[in-house]
Amino acid sequence: MAKKTIASVDVKGKTVLMRVDFNVPQDDSGNITDDRRIRMAMPTIQHVIKNGGKVVLMSHLGRPEGKDRAADAKYTIKPCADRLGKLLGKPVKFVGDCVGPEVQKAVASLQAGEVLLIENVRFYEAEQIKDKKAKDDPALAEKKKSFAKQLADLADVYVNDAFGTCHRDNASMLTVPQQMGGKPKVVGFLVKKELEYLGDSLNSPKRPFVAILGGKKVSDKIGVIEALLKKCDTILIGGAMQYTFMLAQGRKTGKSLVEADKVEEAKRLLQLGGSKLKLPVDVVCAAELKAGVATKVVEGDIPDDLSGFDIGPKTVAEYKKIIAGAKTIAWNGPMGVFETKPFDTGTYAIAHALVDATARGAVTVIGGGDSAAAIEQAGLTDKVSHVSTGGGASLEFMEGKAFKAVDVLDEA
């Protein structure tokens, strides 16, 4: 999936419309609590600035419905403009709309090297109209196309640097580049890196290739497990989804979180995976999920009054040994409830094992979401090969699903 990058375009004097992923976490007062996604977009932004281009950024933030601007106001993306300005060391302009005369005027007034962030694209309902619905409803199709055309007309170049939403057919991701005509439509440096690591590294891995999958639900990972069983030498299971697999083996899981309706799927995956699919041999349990609570390491059945919240020490040792022998490692999903001590032990042990593997030359790729948050909190982000900015996107990519928002871009 080799795509042209922004580096191949002469941006001097041109207006570059860049789709970024500034969907950052905020506290109740709207303060940004983690600006990693903003920081990850900076290399592409700085490249355009340095080479005399004008940057117009667009992104979504949160889940506004796009029907009531007053109700959506709390999702304003302006705090991202302020934070980006601090990171760049120069003002970032902001306009409180996505399309229309005010936006056109703001874009027209941009000078070379300046940056403008337009308002949350999800303030417009057209942004999230699914192509499937639009196909059956001409009015919806026209609504989405009209919105995208207004955005496309703002610029000379389109850049996709929002990997976290590459699996969606949103207007700003797919319909805008479709409306750019013969103008350049390329990827930014972040998406380029994501495609290289999640694509090339995982599709043509150095072996042994080990995948580590955690998180709450088996249902979220069924397709990924099936796809990876065809590529991997070993899959290590952790997180709450291990308890659904335990139930599928006929073991008791106490009060642990399980998906009872997915037990048959878990049985099928266990049969399909055979010796490739490794489950924890012990579990850290407690009577409740609470910091500092008394814990018990359990092998076999979990007592009725306890819940499993982390992988146990024997599992950690076994998984670390397998990781130590791997040359390519993909990790998506924490091993336990790492947000609550002492149930962070398994997740952080795996994180450090990946750091050790990277140091000896293995390719280590961490999927987005909670895995990325865990490795960031451990201060280890820069000590692994790649930490993806995409949660659902990285999962779908690992599953081998097509990304229309990438396919529409110019081939290298």
Protein backbone atom coordinates (compact mmCIF):
# COMPACT_ATOMS: atom_id res chain seq x y z
CA MET A 1 0.00 0.00 0.00
CA ALA A 2 2.64 2.51 -1.12
CA LYS A 3 1.18 6.01 -1.25
CA LYS A 4 2.67 9.34 -2.23
CA THR A 5 3.63 11.45 0.77
CA ILE A 6 3.61 15.17 1.40
CA ALA A 7 7.38 15.11 0.81
CA SER A 8 6.70 14.51 -2.91
CA VAL A 9 4.63 17.70 -3.30
CA ASP A 10 5.94 21.23 -3.88
CA VAL A 11 3.86 23.12 -1.32
CA LYS A 12 5.42 26.57 -1.73
CA GLY A 13 2.65 29.16 -1.89
CA LYS A 14 -0.03 26.45 -1.82
CA THR A 15 -2.87 25.86 0.60
CA VAL A 16 -2.64 22.40 2.14
CA LEU A 17 -5.82 20.91 3.64
CA MET A 18 -4.70 18.37 6.21
CA ARG A 19 -6.99 15.89 7.96
CA VAL A 20 -5.46 15.24 11.39
CA ASP A 21 -6.67 13.28 14.39
CA PHE A 22 -6.96 15.76 17.26
CA ASN A 23 -9.54 13.64 19.08
CA VAL A 24 -7.66 14.08 22.35
CA PRO A 25 -8.87 13.29 25.89
CA GLN A 26 -10.08 16.23 27.98
CA ASP A 27 -11.15 16.76 31.58
CA ASP A 28 -14.56 18.11 32.63
CA SER A 29 -13.32 21.67 32.12
CA GLY A 30 -12.19 21.00 28.55
CA ASN A 31 -8.48 20.93 29.37
CA ILE A 32 -6.45 18.52 27.23
CA THR A 33 -5.05 15.73 29.40
CA ASP A 34 -2.96 13.97 26.73
CA ASP A 35 -1.69 15.80 23.64
CA ARG A 36 0.11 12.86 22.01
CA ARG A 37 -2.09 12.88 18.91
CA ILE A 38 -1.37 16.57 18.39
CA ARG A 39 2.36 16.00 18.82
CA MET A 40 2.33 13.13 16.35
CA ALA A 41 0.90 15.37 13.62
CA MET A 42 3.57 18.04 14.06
CA PRO A 43 6.25 16.65 11.68
CA THR A 44 3.87 16.94 8.71
CA ILE A 45 2.64 20.38 9.77
CA GLN A 46 6.21 21.62 10.27
CA HIS A 47 7.26 20.25 6.88
CA VAL A 48 4.59 22.30 5.10
CA ILE A 49 5.42 25.44 7.11
CA LYS A 50 9.16 25.07 6.47
CA ASN A 51 8.58 24.72 2.73
CA GLY A 52 6.41 27.81 2.38
CA GLY A 53 2.95 26.25 2.40
CA LYS A 54 -0.22 27.38 4.16
CA VAL A 55 -1.78 24.80 6.47
CA VAL A 56 -5.52 24.33 7.01
CA LEU A 57 -6.19 21.63 9.60
CA MET A 58 -9.44 19.74 10.12
CA SER A 59 -10.35 17.09 12.68
CA HIS A 60 -13.17 15.69 14.75
CA LEU A 61 -13.30 15.78 18.56
CA GLY A 62 -15.64 13.69 20.66
CA ARG A 63 -19.09 12.59 19.54
CA PRO A 64 -21.23 15.61 18.66
CA GLU A 65 -24.33 14.68 16.64
CA GLY A 66 -24.10 17.64 14.28
CA LYS A 67 -27.75 18.62 14.72
CA ASP A 68 -27.65 21.25 17.46
CA ARG A 69 -24.71 23.67 17.49
CA ALA A 70 -25.48 24.87 21.03
CA ALA A 71 -25.53 21.30 22.36
CA ASP A 72 -22.32 20.53 20.46
CA ALA A 73 -20.46 23.61 21.75
CA LYS A 74 -18.66 21.64 24.48
CA TYR A 75 -16.92 19.70 21.70
CA THR A 76 -15.25 22.77 20.23
CA ILE A 77 -11.79 21.98 18.91
CA LYS A 78 -10.37 25.39 19.82
CA PRO A 79 -8.33 24.02 22.78
CA CYS A 80 -6.37 21.98 20.22
CA ALA A 81 -5.48 25.17 18.33
CA ASP A 82 -4.18 26.69 21.56
CA ARG A 83 -2.15 23.58 22.45
CA LEU A 84 -0.73 23.23 18.93
CA GLY A 85 0.32 26.88 19.01
CA LYS A 86 2.29 26.28 22.20
CA LEU A 87 3.94 23.19 20.72
CA LEU A 88 4.85 24.97 17.48
CA GLY A 89 5.97 28.12 19.26
CA LYS A 90 3.80 30.28 17.01
CA PRO A 91 0.12 31.28 16.92
CA VAL A 92 -2.35 28.91 15.31
CA LYS A 93 -5.40 30.66 13.88
CA PHE A 94 -8.88 29.31 14.57
CA VAL A 95 -12.22 29.80 12.88
CA GLY A 96 -15.45 28.67 14.54
CA ASP A 97 -16.90 26.89 11.52
CA CYS A 98 -15.93 24.25 8.96
CA VAL A 99 -17.37 25.66 5.74
CA GLY A 100 -18.93 28.89 4.54
CA PRO A 101 -17.90 32.55 4.00
CA GLU A 102 -16.13 32.94 7.35
CA VAL A 103 -13.91 29.92 6.65
CA GLN A 104 -13.24 30.97 3.06
CA LYS A 105 -12.19 34.42 4.25
CA ALA A 106 -9.89 32.97 6.93
CA VAL A 107 -8.24 30.63 4.42
CA ALA A 108 -7.82 33.38 1.83
CA SER A 109 -6.02 35.58 4.36
CA LEU A 110 -3.45 32.91 5.26
CA GLN A 111 0.17 33.75 4.54
CA ALA A 112 2.95 31.27 3.76
CA GLY A 113 4.00 29.43 6.92
CA GLU A 114 0.75 30.10 8.78
CA VAL A 115 -1.56 27.50 10.30
CA LEU A 116 -5.35 27.57 10.62
CA LEU A 117 -7.53 25.04 12.46
CA ILE A 118 -11.18 24.96 11.44
CA GLU A 119 -13.94 23.90 13.82
CA ASN A 120 -14.85 20.28 14.66
CA VAL A 121 -15.98 18.65 11.39
CA ARG A 122 -18.56 16.61 13.30
CA PHE A 123 -20.48 19.81 13.95
CA TYR A 124 -21.91 19.02 10.53
CA GLU A 125 -24.12 15.95 10.26
CA ALA A 126 -22.84 15.40 6.72
CA GLU A 127 -19.42 14.43 8.08
CA GLN A 128 -20.69 11.09 9.39
CA ILE A 129 -23.18 10.08 6.71
CA LYS A 130 -22.23 6.51 5.81
CA ASP A 131 -21.66 5.76 2.15
CA LYS A 132 -23.94 2.76 2.47
CA LYS A 133 -26.85 5.01 3.52
CA ALA A 134 -25.95 7.66 0.97
CA LYS A 135 -26.02 5.05 -1.79
CA ASP A 136 -29.70 4.38 -1.07
CA ASP A 137 -30.66 8.02 -0.44
CA PRO A 138 -29.77 10.63 -3.09
CA ALA A 139 -30.53 13.50 -0.69
CA LEU A 140 -28.02 12.19 1.86
CA ALA A 141 -25.47 11.56 -0.88
CA GLU A 142 -25.79 15.13 -2.12
CA LYS A 143 -25.59 16.51 1.43
CA LYS A 144 -22.32 14.67 2.07
CA LYS A 145 -20.88 15.57 -1.35
CA SER A 146 -21.78 19.26 -0.97
CA PHE A 147 -20.11 19.46 2.45
CA ALA A 148 -16.99 17.70 1.14
CA LYS A 149 -16.82 19.88 -1.98
CA GLN A 150 -16.79 23.05 0.12
CA LEU A 151 -13.85 21.68 2.08
CA ALA A 152 -12.02 20.46 -1.01
CA ASP A 153 -12.38 23.87 -2.68
CA LEU A 154 -10.38 25.47 0.14
CA ALA A 155 -7.08 23.93 -0.90
CA ASP A 156 -4.55 22.96 -3.56
CA VAL A 157 -3.37 19.79 -1.80
CA TYR A 158 -5.08 17.22 0.44
CA VAL A 159 -3.14 15.36 3.14
CA ASN A 160 -4.40 12.46 5.23
CA ASP A 161 -2.45 12.33 8.49
CA ALA A 162 -5.28 10.92 10.62
CA PHE A 163 -4.65 7.19 10.88
CA GLY A 164 -7.07 6.84 13.80
CA THR A 165 -10.00 7.48 11.46
CA CYS A 166 -8.68 5.86 8.27
CA HIS A 167 -11.14 2.99 8.73
CA ARG A 168 -14.13 5.36 8.52
CA ASP A 169 -15.85 6.66 5.39
CA ASN A 170 -16.35 10.13 6.92
CA ALA A 171 -16.65 13.04 4.49
CA SER A 172 -13.36 14.61 5.56
CA MET A 173 -11.56 11.28 5.17
CA LEU A 174 -12.99 9.90 1.94
CA THR A 175 -15.36 12.27 0.15
CA VAL A 176 -13.06 15.31 0.33
CA PRO A 177 -10.17 13.63 -1.52
CA GLN A 178 -12.72 12.29 -4.01
CA GLN A 179 -13.74 15.92 -4.67
CA MET A 180 -10.16 17.19 -5.12
CA GLY A 181 -10.08 16.25 -8.80
CA GLY A 182 -6.54 16.16 -10.15
CA LYS A 183 -5.03 17.96 -7.17
CA PRO A 184 -2.46 16.02 -5.12
CA LYS A 185 -3.95 13.68 -2.51
CA VAL A 186 -1.22 12.26 -0.28
CA VAL A 187 -0.43 10.87 3.17
CA GLY A 188 1.39 12.69 5.92
CA PHE A 189 4.42 11.33 7.73
CA LEU A 190 2.36 9.82 10.56
CA VAL A 191 0.10 7.79 8.26
CA LYS A 192 3.17 6.79 6.22
CA LYS A 193 4.78 5.39 9.37
CA GLU A 194 1.57 3.62 10.42
CA LEU A 195 1.24 1.95 7.02
CA GLU A 196 4.87 0.84 7.10
CA TYR A 197 4.71 -0.72 10.55
CA LEU A 198 1.17 -2.08 10.59
CA GLY A 199 1.39 -3.06 6.94
CA ASP A 200 4.86 -4.05 5.86
CA SER A 201 6.14 -5.26 9.23
CA LEU A 202 3.08 -7.37 10.02
CA ASN A 203 2.43 -8.68 6.51
CA SER A 204 6.08 -9.59 5.87
CA PRO A 205 7.32 -10.21 9.41
CA LYS A 206 10.66 -11.44 10.61
CA ARG A 207 10.04 -14.68 12.46
CA PRO A 208 9.14 -15.82 15.01
CA PHE A 209 6.13 -13.46 14.87
CA VAL A 210 4.25 -13.13 18.17
CA ALA A 211 0.97 -11.27 18.72
CA ILE A 212 -0.21 -10.24 22.19
CA LEU A 213 -3.93 -9.56 22.49
CA GLY A 214 -5.73 -8.26 25.56
CA GLY A 215 -8.64 -6.02 26.39
CA LYS A 216 -12.14 -6.65 27.64
CA LYS A 217 -13.99 -8.44 24.87
CA VAL A 218 -13.42 -11.49 22.71
CA SER A 219 -16.05 -10.02 20.37
CA ASP A 220 -13.73 -7.09 19.56
CA LYS A 221 -10.91 -9.43 18.58
CA ILE A 222 -12.54 -12.39 16.79
CA GLY A 223 -11.61 -11.18 13.30
CA VAL A 224 -8.14 -10.14 14.41
CA ILE A 225 -7.42 -13.50 16.05
CA GLU A 226 -8.57 -15.35 12.92
CA ALA A 227 -6.41 -13.15 10.68
CA LEU A 228 -3.35 -13.33 12.93
CA LEU A 229 -3.54 -17.10 13.32
CA LYS A 230 -2.71 -17.25 9.60
CA LYS A 231 0.29 -14.95 10.03
CA CYS A 232 1.64 -15.50 13.55
CA ASP A 233 3.68 -18.22 15.13
CA THR A 234 2.14 -17.58 18.56
CA ILE A 235 -0.74 -15.50 20.00
CA LEU A 236 -0.65 -14.63 23.70
CA ILE A 237 -4.03 -13.88 25.30
CA GLY A 238 -4.60 -11.63 28.30
CA GLY A 239 -7.07 -9.07 29.62
CA ALA A 240 -10.67 -9.75 30.55
CA MET A 241 -11.28 -11.68 27.34
CA GLN A 242 -9.19 -14.52 28.77
CA TYR A 243 -12.11 -15.36 31.10
CA THR A 244 -14.45 -16.04 28.17
CA PHE A 245 -11.82 -18.46 26.84
CA MET A 246 -11.58 -20.04 30.31
CA LEU A 247 -15.35 -20.53 30.31
CA ALA A 248 -15.06 -22.10 26.87
CA GLN A 249 -12.59 -24.61 28.36
CA GLY A 250 -15.14 -25.56 31.02
CA ARG A 251 -13.33 -23.75 33.82
CA LYS A 252 -15.03 -21.64 36.47
CA THR A 253 -14.45 -17.88 36.27
CA GLY A 254 -16.00 -16.65 39.54
CA LYS A 255 -17.26 -13.07 39.22
CA SER A 256 -14.89 -12.26 36.36
CA LEU A 257 -16.13 -10.34 33.35
CA VAL A 258 -17.20 -12.77 30.62
CA GLU A 259 -19.15 -12.66 27.37
CA ALA A 260 -21.44 -15.64 27.82
CA ASP A 261 -22.83 -15.23 24.31
CA LYS A 262 -19.33 -15.59 22.83
CA VAL A 263 -18.36 -18.86 24.49
CA GLU A 264 -19.05 -20.90 21.35
CA GLU A 265 -16.93 -18.47 19.30
CA ALA A 266 -14.17 -18.83 21.89
CA LYS A 267 -14.38 -22.63 21.61
CA ARG A 268 -14.06 -22.35 17.83
CA LEU A 269 -11.03 -20.07 18.12
CA LEU A 270 -9.36 -22.42 20.61
CA GLN A 271 -9.83 -25.31 18.20
CA LEU A 272 -8.68 -23.21 15.25
CA GLY A 273 -5.63 -21.89 17.09
CA GLY A 274 -4.46 -25.13 18.66
CA SER A 275 -0.99 -24.76 20.18
CA LYS A 276 -0.54 -21.30 18.61
CA LEU A 277 -3.09 -19.77 20.98
CA LYS A 278 -1.68 -19.40 24.50
CA LEU A 279 -3.88 -18.64 27.52
CA PRO A 280 -2.70 -17.50 30.99
CA VAL A 281 -1.77 -20.29 33.37
CA ASP A 282 -2.50 -18.18 36.45
CA VAL A 283 -4.59 -15.12 37.30
CA VAL A 284 -4.40 -12.36 39.91
CA CYS A 285 -7.81 -12.24 41.62
CA ALA A 286 -9.55 -10.07 44.22
CA ALA A 287 -12.97 -9.65 45.79
CA GLU A 288 -13.34 -6.19 44.23
CA LEU A 289 -11.63 -3.80 41.85
CA LYS A 290 -10.03 -1.35 44.23
CA ALA A 291 -6.55 0.10 44.64
CA GLY A 292 -4.53 -1.73 47.28
CA VAL A 293 -7.07 -4.54 47.69
CA ALA A 294 -5.90 -7.96 48.95
CA THR A 295 -5.12 -10.25 46.01
CA LYS A 296 -4.82 -13.98 45.41
CA VAL A 297 -2.99 -15.75 42.59
CA VAL A 298 -5.19 -18.51 41.24
CA GLU A 299 -4.37 -21.43 38.93
CA GLY A 300 -7.31 -23.37 37.52
CA ASP A 301 -10.84 -22.44 38.56
CA ILE A 302 -11.49 -19.00 40.02
CA PRO A 303 -13.48 -19.12 43.30
CA ASP A 304 -17.08 -17.90 43.16
CA ASP A 305 -16.40 -14.86 45.35
CA LEU A 306 -13.41 -13.57 43.35
CA SER A 307 -12.81 -11.86 40.01
CA GLY A 308 -9.74 -12.03 37.82
CA PHE A 309 -8.10 -8.66 37.12
CA ASP A 310 -4.61 -9.44 35.79
CA ILE A 311 -2.38 -12.19 34.46
CA GLY A 312 -0.37 -13.97 37.15
CA PRO A 313 3.41 -14.22 37.75
CA LYS A 314 3.79 -17.66 36.07
CA THR A 315 2.03 -16.31 32.97
CA VAL A 316 4.22 -13.22 32.97
CA ALA A 317 7.34 -15.42 33.09
CA GLU A 318 6.04 -17.69 30.32
CA TYR A 319 5.00 -14.79 28.08
CA LYS A 320 8.31 -12.96 28.61
CA LYS A 321 10.19 -16.10 27.53
CA ILE A 322 8.15 -16.32 24.31
CA ILE A 323 8.61 -12.58 23.64
CA ALA A 324 12.37 -12.90 24.20
CA GLY A 325 12.58 -15.35 21.31
CA ALA A 326 10.49 -13.30 18.88
CA LYS A 327 11.70 -11.07 16.05
CA THR A 328 8.36 -9.34 15.33
CA ILE A 329 5.85 -8.54 18.08
CA ALA A 330 2.44 -6.88 17.79
CA TRP A 331 0.59 -5.91 20.97
CA ASN A 332 -3.00 -4.72 21.19
CA GLY A 333 -4.85 -4.62 24.49
CA PRO A 334 -3.67 -4.55 28.15
CA MET A 335 -3.16 -7.70 30.18
CA GLY A 336 -5.29 -6.52 33.08
CA VAL A 337 -7.00 -3.52 34.63
CA PHE A 338 -3.75 -1.55 34.52
CA GLU A 339 -5.44 1.68 35.60
CA THR A 340 -5.84 0.23 39.13
CA LYS A 341 -2.88 -0.95 41.19
CA PRO A 342 -1.85 -3.69 41.83
CA PHE A 343 -3.47 -4.95 38.61
CA ASP A 344 -1.02 -3.03 36.43
CA THR A 345 1.80 -5.53 37.02
CA GLY A 346 1.13 -7.82 34.05
CA THR A 347 0.65 -5.01 31.54
CA TYR A 348 3.80 -3.17 32.58
CA ALA A 349 5.82 -6.40 32.65
CA ILE A 350 4.81 -7.04 29.03
CA ALA A 351 5.64 -3.41 28.13
CA HIS A 352 9.16 -3.79 29.54
CA ALA A 353 9.56 -7.13 27.77
CA LEU A 354 8.81 -5.38 24.48
CA VAL A 355 11.40 -2.70 25.29
CA ASP A 356 14.00 -5.44 25.88
CA ALA A 357 12.99 -7.11 22.60
CA THR A 358 13.35 -3.81 20.72
CA ALA A 359 16.82 -3.30 22.19
CA ARG A 360 17.97 -6.63 20.79
CA GLY A 361 16.64 -5.80 17.31
CA ALA A 362 13.05 -7.07 17.23
CA VAL A 363 10.32 -5.04 15.53
CA THR A 364 7.74 -4.09 18.18
CA VAL A 365 4.40 -2.55 17.23
CA ILE A 366 1.87 -1.43 19.83
CA GLY A 367 -1.74 -0.97 18.74
CA GLY A 368 -3.63 2.13 19.80
CA GLY A 369 -6.10 2.66 22.61
CA ASP A 370 -5.34 1.27 26.05
CA SER A 371 -2.06 -0.40 25.01
CA ALA A 372 -0.73 2.93 23.78
CA ALA A 373 -1.94 4.62 26.97
CA ALA A 374 -0.20 2.01 29.12
CA ILE A 375 3.14 2.28 27.37
CA GLU A 376 2.89 6.08 27.43
CA GLN A 377 2.21 6.05 31.19
CA ALA A 378 5.17 3.74 31.69
CA GLY A 379 7.37 6.27 29.86
CA LEU A 380 8.41 3.69 27.28
CA THR A 381 6.91 5.11 24.07
CA ASP A 382 10.29 6.00 22.58
CA LYS A 383 11.80 2.61 23.44
CA VAL A 384 9.68 0.46 21.11
CA SER A 385 9.57 0.47 17.31
CA HIS A 386 6.15 2.03 16.87
CA VAL A 387 3.11 3.03 18.94
CA SER A 388 0.03 3.41 16.76
CA THR A 389 -2.31 6.40 17.12
CA GLY A 390 -5.24 4.27 15.93
CA GLY A 391 -7.29 2.08 18.25
CA GLY A 392 -10.06 0.64 16.10
CA ALA A 393 -8.08 1.50 12.98
CA SER A 394 -5.04 -0.52 14.02
CA LEU A 395 -7.25 -3.51 14.85
CA GLU A 396 -9.02 -3.36 11.49
CA PHE A 397 -5.70 -2.96 9.69
CA MET A 398 -4.27 -6.00 11.48
CA GLU A 399 -7.42 -7.87 10.48
CA GLY A 400 -6.65 -7.05 6.85
CA LYS A 401 -9.67 -4.89 6.13
CA ALA A 402 -9.51 -2.39 3.26
CA PHE A 403 -9.26 1.31 4.07
CA LYS A 404 -11.12 3.30 1.42
CA ALA A 405 -9.77 6.55 2.86
CA VAL A 406 -6.25 5.36 2.04
CA ASP A 407 -7.08 3.60 -1.22
CA VAL A 408 -8.40 6.89 -2.70
CA LEU A 409 -5.02 8.62 -2.28
CA ASP A 410 -2.33 8.92 -4.97
CA GLU A 411 -0.16 5.88 -5.56
CA ALA A 412 3.57 6.24 -5.07
